[in-house]
PDB file of N, CA and C in Angstrom:
ATOM      1  N   MET A   1      29.222 -14.498  44.671  1.00  0.00           N
ATOM      2  CA  MET A   1      29.550 -15.436  45.724  1.00  0.00           C
ATOM      3  C   MET A   1      31.062 -15.681  45.739  1.00  0.00           C
ATOM      4  N   GLN A   2      31.586 -15.797  46.942  1.00  0.00           N
ATOM      5  CA  GLN A   2      33.000 -16.088  47.109  1.00  0.00           C
ATOM      6  C   GLN A   2      33.132 -17.265  48.073  1.00  0.00           C
ATOM      7  N   ILE A   3      34.347 -17.754  48.247  1.00  0.00           N
ATOM      8  CA  ILE A   3      34.573 -18.978  49.006  1.00  0.00           C
ATOM      9  C   ILE A   3      35.316 -18.711  50.310  1.00  0.00           C
ATOM     10  N   VAL A   4      34.830 -19.334  51.397  1.00  0.00           N
ATOM     11  CA  VAL A   4      35.563 -19.460  52.655  1.00  0.00           C
ATOM     12  C   VAL A   4      35.672 -20.962  52.928  1.00  0.00           C
ATOM     13  N   THR A   5      36.592 -21.333  53.786  1.00  0.00           N
ATOM     14  CA  THR A   5      36.731 -22.732  54.159  1.00  0.00           C
ATOM     15  C   THR A   5      36.185 -22.899  55.568  1.00  0.00           C
ATOM     16  N   ALA A   6      35.172 -23.736  55.710  1.00  0.00           N
ATOM     17  CA  ALA A   6      34.548 -23.997  57.009  1.00  0.00           C
ATOM     18  C   ALA A   6      34.713 -25.482  57.335  1.00  0.00           C
ATOM     19  N   ASN A   7      35.427 -25.756  58.403  1.00  0.00           N
ATOM     20  CA  ASN A   7      35.698 -27.141  58.816  1.00  0.00           C
ATOM     21  C   ASN A   7      36.318 -27.948  57.676  1.00  0.00           C
ATOM     22  N   GLY A   8      37.219 -27.308  56.923  1.00  0.00           N
ATOM     23  CA  GLY A   8      37.941 -27.979  55.857  1.00  0.00           C
ATOM     24  C   GLY A   8      37.200 -28.097  54.541  1.00  0.00           C
ATOM     25  N   THR A   9      35.982 -27.550  54.466  1.00  0.00           N
ATOM     26  CA  THR A   9      35.154 -27.647  53.260  1.00  0.00           C
ATOM     27  C   THR A   9      34.935 -26.271  52.653  1.00  0.00           C
ATOM     28  N   PRO A  10      35.156 -26.112  51.345  1.00  0.00           N
ATOM     29  CA  PRO A  10      34.858 -24.829  50.706  1.00  0.00           C
ATOM     30  C   PRO A  10      33.356 -24.538  50.765  1.00  0.00           C
ATOM     31  N   VAL A  11      33.011 -23.302  51.154  1.00  0.00           N
ATOM     32  CA  VAL A  11      31.614 -22.891  51.274  1.00  0.00           C
ATOM     33  C   VAL A  11      31.435 -21.566  50.548  1.00  0.00           C
ATOM     34  N   GLU A  12      30.430 -21.492  49.671  1.00  0.00           N
ATOM     35  CA  GLU A  12      30.121 -20.228  49.001  1.00  0.00           C
ATOM     36  C   GLU A  12      29.347 -19.334  49.948  1.00  0.00           C
ATOM     37  N   ALA A  13      29.673 -18.038  49.924  1.00  0.00           N
ATOM     38  CA  ALA A  13      28.984 -17.082  50.791  1.00  0.00           C
ATOM     39  C   ALA A  13      29.008 -15.705  50.144  1.00  0.00           C
ATOM     40  N   ASN A  14      28.049 -14.866  50.526  1.00  0.00           N
ATOM     41  CA  ASN A  14      28.048 -13.467  50.098  1.00  0.00           C
ATOM     42  C   ASN A  14      29.039 -12.723  50.986  1.00  0.00           C
ATOM     43  N   LEU A  15      30.189 -12.421  50.442  1.00  0.00           N
ATOM     44  CA  LEU A  15      31.269 -11.804  51.216  1.00  0.00           C
ATOM     45  C   LEU A  15      31.581 -10.414  50.700  1.00  0.00           C
ATOM     46  N   PRO A  16      32.134  -9.544  51.546  1.00  0.00           N
ATOM     47  CA  PRO A  16      32.353  -9.749  52.977  1.00  0.00           C
ATOM     48  C   PRO A  16      31.044  -9.693  53.739  1.00  0.00           C
ATOM     49  N   CYS A  17      31.055 -10.337  54.912  1.00  0.00           N
ATOM     50  CA  CYS A  17      29.896 -10.310  55.810  1.00  0.00           C
ATOM     51  C   CYS A  17      30.394 -10.504  57.232  1.00  0.00           C
ATOM     52  N   SER A  18      29.506 -10.321  58.188  1.00  0.00           N
ATOM     53  CA  SER A  18      29.899 -10.564  59.573  1.00  0.00           C
ATOM     54  C   SER A  18      29.869 -12.071  59.832  1.00  0.00           C
ATOM     55  N   LEU A  19      30.591 -12.495  60.844  1.00  0.00           N
ATOM     56  CA  LEU A  19      30.572 -13.899  61.234  1.00  0.00           C
ATOM     57  C   LEU A  19      29.152 -14.322  61.604  1.00  0.00           C
ATOM     58  N   GLU A  20      28.430 -13.440  62.285  1.00  0.00           N
ATOM     59  CA  GLU A  20      27.046 -13.737  62.658  1.00  0.00           C
ATOM     60  C   GLU A  20      26.177 -13.959  61.410  1.00  0.00           C
ATOM     61  N   GLU A  21      26.315 -13.103  60.406  1.00  0.00           N
ATOM     62  CA  GLU A  21      25.551 -13.264  59.158  1.00  0.00           C
ATOM     63  C   GLU A  21      25.900 -14.586  58.473  1.00  0.00           C
ATOM     64  N   PHE A  22      27.179 -14.927  58.468  1.00  0.00           N
ATOM     65  CA  PHE A  22      27.611 -16.189  57.857  1.00  0.00           C
ATOM     66  C   PHE A  22      26.977 -17.377  58.567  1.00  0.00           C
ATOM     67  N   LEU A  23      27.014 -17.374  59.909  1.00  0.00           N
ATOM     68  CA  LEU A  23      26.442 -18.482  60.670  1.00  0.00           C
ATOM     69  C   LEU A  23      24.947 -18.634  60.398  1.00  0.00           C
ATOM     70  N   VAL A  24      24.223 -17.528  60.391  1.00  0.00           N
ATOM     71  CA  VAL A  24      22.781 -17.573  60.130  1.00  0.00           C
ATOM     72  C   VAL A  24      22.520 -18.107  58.715  1.00  0.00           C
ATOM     73  N   ALA A  25      23.318 -17.675  57.742  1.00  0.00           N
ATOM     74  CA  ALA A  25      23.159 -18.155  56.369  1.00  0.00           C
ATOM     75  C   ALA A  25      23.407 -19.666  56.273  1.00  0.00           C
ATOM     76  N   GLN A  26      24.231 -20.191  57.188  1.00  0.00           N
ATOM     77  CA  GLN A  26      24.507 -21.630  57.215  1.00  0.00           C
ATOM     78  C   GLN A  26      23.514 -22.383  58.102  1.00  0.00           C
ATOM     79  N   LYS A  27      22.469 -21.671  58.551  1.00  0.00           N
ATOM     80  CA  LYS A  27      21.424 -22.241  59.400  1.00  0.00           C
ATOM     81  C   LYS A  27      21.966 -22.716  60.747  1.00  0.00           C
ATOM     82  N   LEU A  28      22.904 -21.942  61.288  1.00  0.00           N
ATOM     83  CA  LEU A  28      23.461 -22.215  62.612  1.00  0.00           C
ATOM     84  C   LEU A  28      23.077 -21.081  63.551  1.00  0.00           C
ATOM     85  N   LEU A  29      22.658 -21.413  64.757  1.00  0.00           N
ATOM     86  CA  LEU A  29      22.361 -20.394  65.759  1.00  0.00           C
ATOM     87  C   LEU A  29      23.684 -19.904  66.345  1.00  0.00           C
ATOM     88  N   PRO A  30      23.964 -18.609  66.245  1.00  0.00           N
ATOM     89  CA  PRO A  30      25.246 -18.100  66.745  1.00  0.00           C
ATOM     90  C   PRO A  30      25.531 -18.460  68.196  1.00  0.00           C
ATOM     91  N   ARG A  31      24.498 -18.563  69.063  1.00  0.00           N
ATOM     92  CA  ARG A  31      24.788 -18.885  70.460  1.00  0.00           C
ATOM     93  C   ARG A  31      24.986 -20.375  70.695  1.00  0.00           C
ATOM     94  N   SER A  32      24.869 -21.194  69.634  1.00  0.00           N
ATOM     95  CA  SER A  32      25.018 -22.644  69.808  1.00  0.00           C
ATOM     96  C   SER A  32      26.323 -23.182  69.218  1.00  0.00           C
ATOM     97  N   VAL A  33      27.260 -22.278  68.886  1.00  0.00           N
ATOM     98  CA  VAL A  33      28.522 -22.715  68.283  1.00  0.00           C
ATOM     99  C   VAL A  33      29.713 -22.007  68.919  1.00  0.00           C
ATOM    100  N   VAL A  34      30.871 -22.651  68.771  1.00  0.00           N
ATOM    101  CA  VAL A  34      32.162 -22.055  69.116  1.00  0.00           C
ATOM    102  C   VAL A  34      32.905 -21.926  67.800  1.00  0.00           C
ATOM    103  N   VAL A  35      33.546 -20.761  67.572  1.00  0.00           N
ATOM    104  CA  VAL A  35      34.168 -20.510  66.268  1.00  0.00           C
ATOM    105  C   VAL A  35      35.623 -20.084  66.419  1.00  0.00           C
ATOM    106  N   GLU A  36      36.452 -20.639  65.539  1.00  0.00           N
ATOM    107  CA  GLU A  36      37.830 -20.204  65.376  1.00  0.00           C
ATOM    108  C   GLU A  36      37.931 -19.604  63.973  1.00  0.00           C
ATOM    109  N   HIS A  37      38.421 -18.373  63.882  1.00  0.00           N
ATOM    110  CA  HIS A  37      38.518 -17.652  62.612  1.00  0.00           C
ATOM    111  C   HIS A  37      39.993 -17.412  62.311  1.00  0.00           C
ATOM    112  N   ASN A  38      40.490 -18.027  61.256  1.00  0.00           N
ATOM    113  CA  ASN A  38      41.903 -17.922  60.877  1.00  0.00           C
ATOM    114  C   ASN A  38      42.824 -18.218  62.058  1.00  0.00           C
ATOM    115  N   GLY A  39      42.477 -19.277  62.818  1.00  0.00           N
ATOM    116  CA  GLY A  39      43.320 -19.720  63.916  1.00  0.00           C
ATOM    117  C   GLY A  39      43.119 -19.004  65.236  1.00  0.00           C
ATOM    118  N   GLU A  40      42.169 -18.085  65.300  1.00  0.00           N
ATOM    119  CA  GLU A  40      41.920 -17.311  66.517  1.00  0.00           C
ATOM    120  C   GLU A  40      40.507 -17.576  67.022  1.00  0.00           C
ATOM    121  N   ALA A  41      40.397 -17.959  68.309  1.00  0.00           N
ATOM    122  CA  ALA A  41      39.077 -18.172  68.912  1.00  0.00           C
ATOM    123  C   ALA A  41      38.337 -16.842  68.946  1.00  0.00           C
ATOM    124  N   VAL A  42      37.041 -16.879  68.638  1.00  0.00           N
ATOM    125  CA  VAL A  42      36.221 -15.665  68.590  1.00  0.00           C
ATOM    126  C   VAL A  42      35.138 -15.751  69.662  1.00  0.00           C
ATOM    127  N   ALA A  43      35.082 -14.745  70.528  1.00  0.00           N
ATOM    128  CA  ALA A  43      34.034 -14.682  71.544  1.00  0.00           C
ATOM    129  C   ALA A  43      32.689 -14.431  70.859  1.00  0.00           C
ATOM    130  N   PRO A  44      31.617 -15.042  71.345  1.00  0.00           N
ATOM    131  CA  PRO A  44      30.296 -14.824  70.739  1.00  0.00           C
ATOM    132  C   PRO A  44      29.907 -13.351  70.651  1.00  0.00           C
ATOM    133  N   SER A  45      30.352 -12.537  71.594  1.00  0.00           N
ATOM    134  CA  SER A  45      30.034 -11.106  71.549  1.00  0.00           C
ATOM    135  C   SER A  45      30.680 -10.411  70.354  1.00  0.00           C
ATOM    136  N   GLU A  46      31.701 -11.034  69.756  1.00  0.00           N
ATOM    137  CA  GLU A  46      32.391 -10.466  68.587  1.00  0.00           C
ATOM    138  C   GLU A  46      31.770 -10.892  67.256  1.00  0.00           C
ATOM    139  N   PHE A  47      30.878 -11.885  67.262  1.00  0.00           N
ATOM    140  CA  PHE A  47      30.313 -12.397  66.013  1.00  0.00           C
ATOM    141  C   PHE A  47      29.725 -11.302  65.128  1.00  0.00           C
ATOM    142  N   PRO A  48      28.965 -10.331  65.669  1.00  0.00           N
ATOM    143  CA  PRO A  48      28.393  -9.300  64.784  1.00  0.00           C
ATOM    144  C   PRO A  48      29.448  -8.371  64.171  1.00  0.00           C
ATOM    145  N   ARG A  49      30.600  -8.222  64.823  1.00  0.00           N
ATOM    146  CA  ARG A  49      31.628  -7.274  64.347  1.00  0.00           C
ATOM    147  C   ARG A  49      32.757  -7.934  63.556  1.00  0.00           C
ATOM    148  N   ARG A  50      32.931  -9.233  63.724  1.00  0.00           N
ATOM    149  CA  ARG A  50      34.019  -9.940  63.039  1.00  0.00           C
ATOM    150  C   ARG A  50      33.665 -10.113  61.579  1.00  0.00           C
ATOM    151  N   ARG A  51      34.516  -9.603  60.684  1.00  0.00           N
ATOM    152  CA  ARG A  51      34.252  -9.646  59.241  1.00  0.00           C
ATOM    153  C   ARG A  51      34.903 -10.879  58.614  1.00  0.00           C
ATOM    154  N   ILE A  52      34.145 -11.548  57.775  1.00  0.00           N
ATOM    155  CA  ILE A  52      34.616 -12.718  57.040  1.00  0.00           C
ATOM    156  C   ILE A  52      34.868 -12.287  55.602  1.00  0.00           C
ATOM    157  N   ARG A  53      36.022 -12.712  55.076  1.00  0.00           N
ATOM    158  CA  ARG A  53      36.394 -12.353  53.704  1.00  0.00           C
ATOM    159  C   ARG A  53      36.785 -13.621  52.929  1.00  0.00           C
ATOM    160  N   ALA A  54      36.795 -13.520  51.622  1.00  0.00           N
ATOM    161  CA  ALA A  54      37.172 -14.650  50.768  1.00  0.00           C
ATOM    162  C   ALA A  54      38.536 -15.186  51.192  1.00  0.00           C
ATOM    163  N   GLY A  55      38.643 -16.510  51.252  1.00  0.00           N
ATOM    164  CA  GLY A  55      39.896 -17.156  51.612  1.00  0.00           C
ATOM    165  C   GLY A  55      40.058 -17.410  53.101  1.00  0.00           C
ATOM    166  N   ASP A  56      39.178 -16.847  53.930  1.00  0.00           N
ATOM    167  CA  ASP A  56      39.272 -17.070  55.376  1.00  0.00           C
ATOM    168  C   ASP A  56      38.993 -18.528  55.706  1.00  0.00           C
ATOM    169  N   ARG A  57      39.520 -18.963  56.859  1.00  0.00           N
ATOM    170  CA  ARG A  57      39.314 -20.326  57.340  1.00  0.00           C
ATOM    171  C   ARG A  57      38.556 -20.278  58.664  1.00  0.00           C
ATOM    172  N   LEU A  58      37.498 -21.068  58.744  1.00  0.00           N
ATOM    173  CA  LEU A  58      36.690 -21.152  59.956  1.00  0.00           C
ATOM    174  C   LEU A  58      36.660 -22.592  60.454  1.00  0.00           C
ATOM    175  N   GLU A  59      36.717 -22.740  61.758  1.00  0.00           N
ATOM    176  CA  GLU A  59      36.427 -24.018  62.412  1.00  0.00           C
ATOM    177  C   GLU A  59      35.217 -23.745  63.287  1.00  0.00           C
ATOM    178  N   ILE A  60      34.152 -24.475  63.039  1.00  0.00           N
ATOM    179  CA  ILE A  60      32.885 -24.248  63.745  1.00  0.00           C
ATOM    180  C   ILE A  60      32.497 -25.543  64.457  1.00  0.00           C
ATOM    181  N   VAL A  61      32.299 -25.440  65.772  1.00  0.00           N
ATOM    182  CA  VAL A  61      31.923 -26.602  66.573  1.00  0.00           C
ATOM    183  C   VAL A  61      30.582 -26.309  67.226  1.00  0.00           C
ATOM    184  N   LYS A  62      29.617 -27.217  67.038  1.00  0.00           N
ATOM    185  CA  LYS A  62      28.307 -27.076  67.670  1.00  0.00           C
ATOM    186  C   LYS A  62      28.421 -27.471  69.140  1.00  0.00           C
ATOM    187  N   ILE A  63      27.807 -26.676  69.996  1.00  0.00           N
ATOM    188  CA  ILE A  63      27.765 -26.965  71.424  1.00  0.00           C
ATOM    189  C   ILE A  63      26.617 -27.930  71.671  1.00  0.00           C
ATOM    190  N   VAL A  64      26.897 -29.007  72.372  1.00  0.00           N
ATOM    191  CA  VAL A  64      25.871 -30.002  72.674  1.00  0.00           C
ATOM    192  C   VAL A  64      25.775 -30.122  74.198  1.00  0.00           C
ATOM    193  N   ALA A  65      24.593 -29.910  74.718  1.00  0.00           N
ATOM    194  CA  ALA A  65      24.371 -30.042  76.163  1.00  0.00           C
ATOM    195  C   ALA A  65      24.057 -31.488  76.496  1.00  0.00           C
ATOM    196  N   GLY A  66      24.458 -31.896  77.643  1.00  0.00           N
ATOM    197  CA  GLY A  66      24.171 -33.255  78.067  1.00  0.00           C
ATOM    198  C   GLY A  66      24.840 -33.546  79.397  1.00  0.00           C
ATOM    199  N   GLY A  67      24.655 -34.702  79.854  1.00  0.00           N
ATOM    200  CA  GLY A  67      25.265 -35.000  81.133  1.00  0.00           C
ATOM    201  C   GLY A  67      25.391 -36.449  81.411  1.00  0.00           C
TER     202      GLY A  67
END
C-alpha cells in the first residue's frame, strides 16, 4: 500500500492504479464526482486511463442534484 492525498487527507491505496479504480476502491461512483488530479481537472472519460501514483494529490467533489 502507498499513500495519495485526497481532499487534504492521506489515503492508502494499491498503487499505481487508474483513477477509476481508486474511486471505486473508495466506494465512490465515478460518474457522481468531479476530480482534480495534481491541479488538473480530469474529464470523466479519462478516469479509466489516468494513472494515480504515490504522492499524487486529488481533490474529489461529489455531485449533488437538486433544485
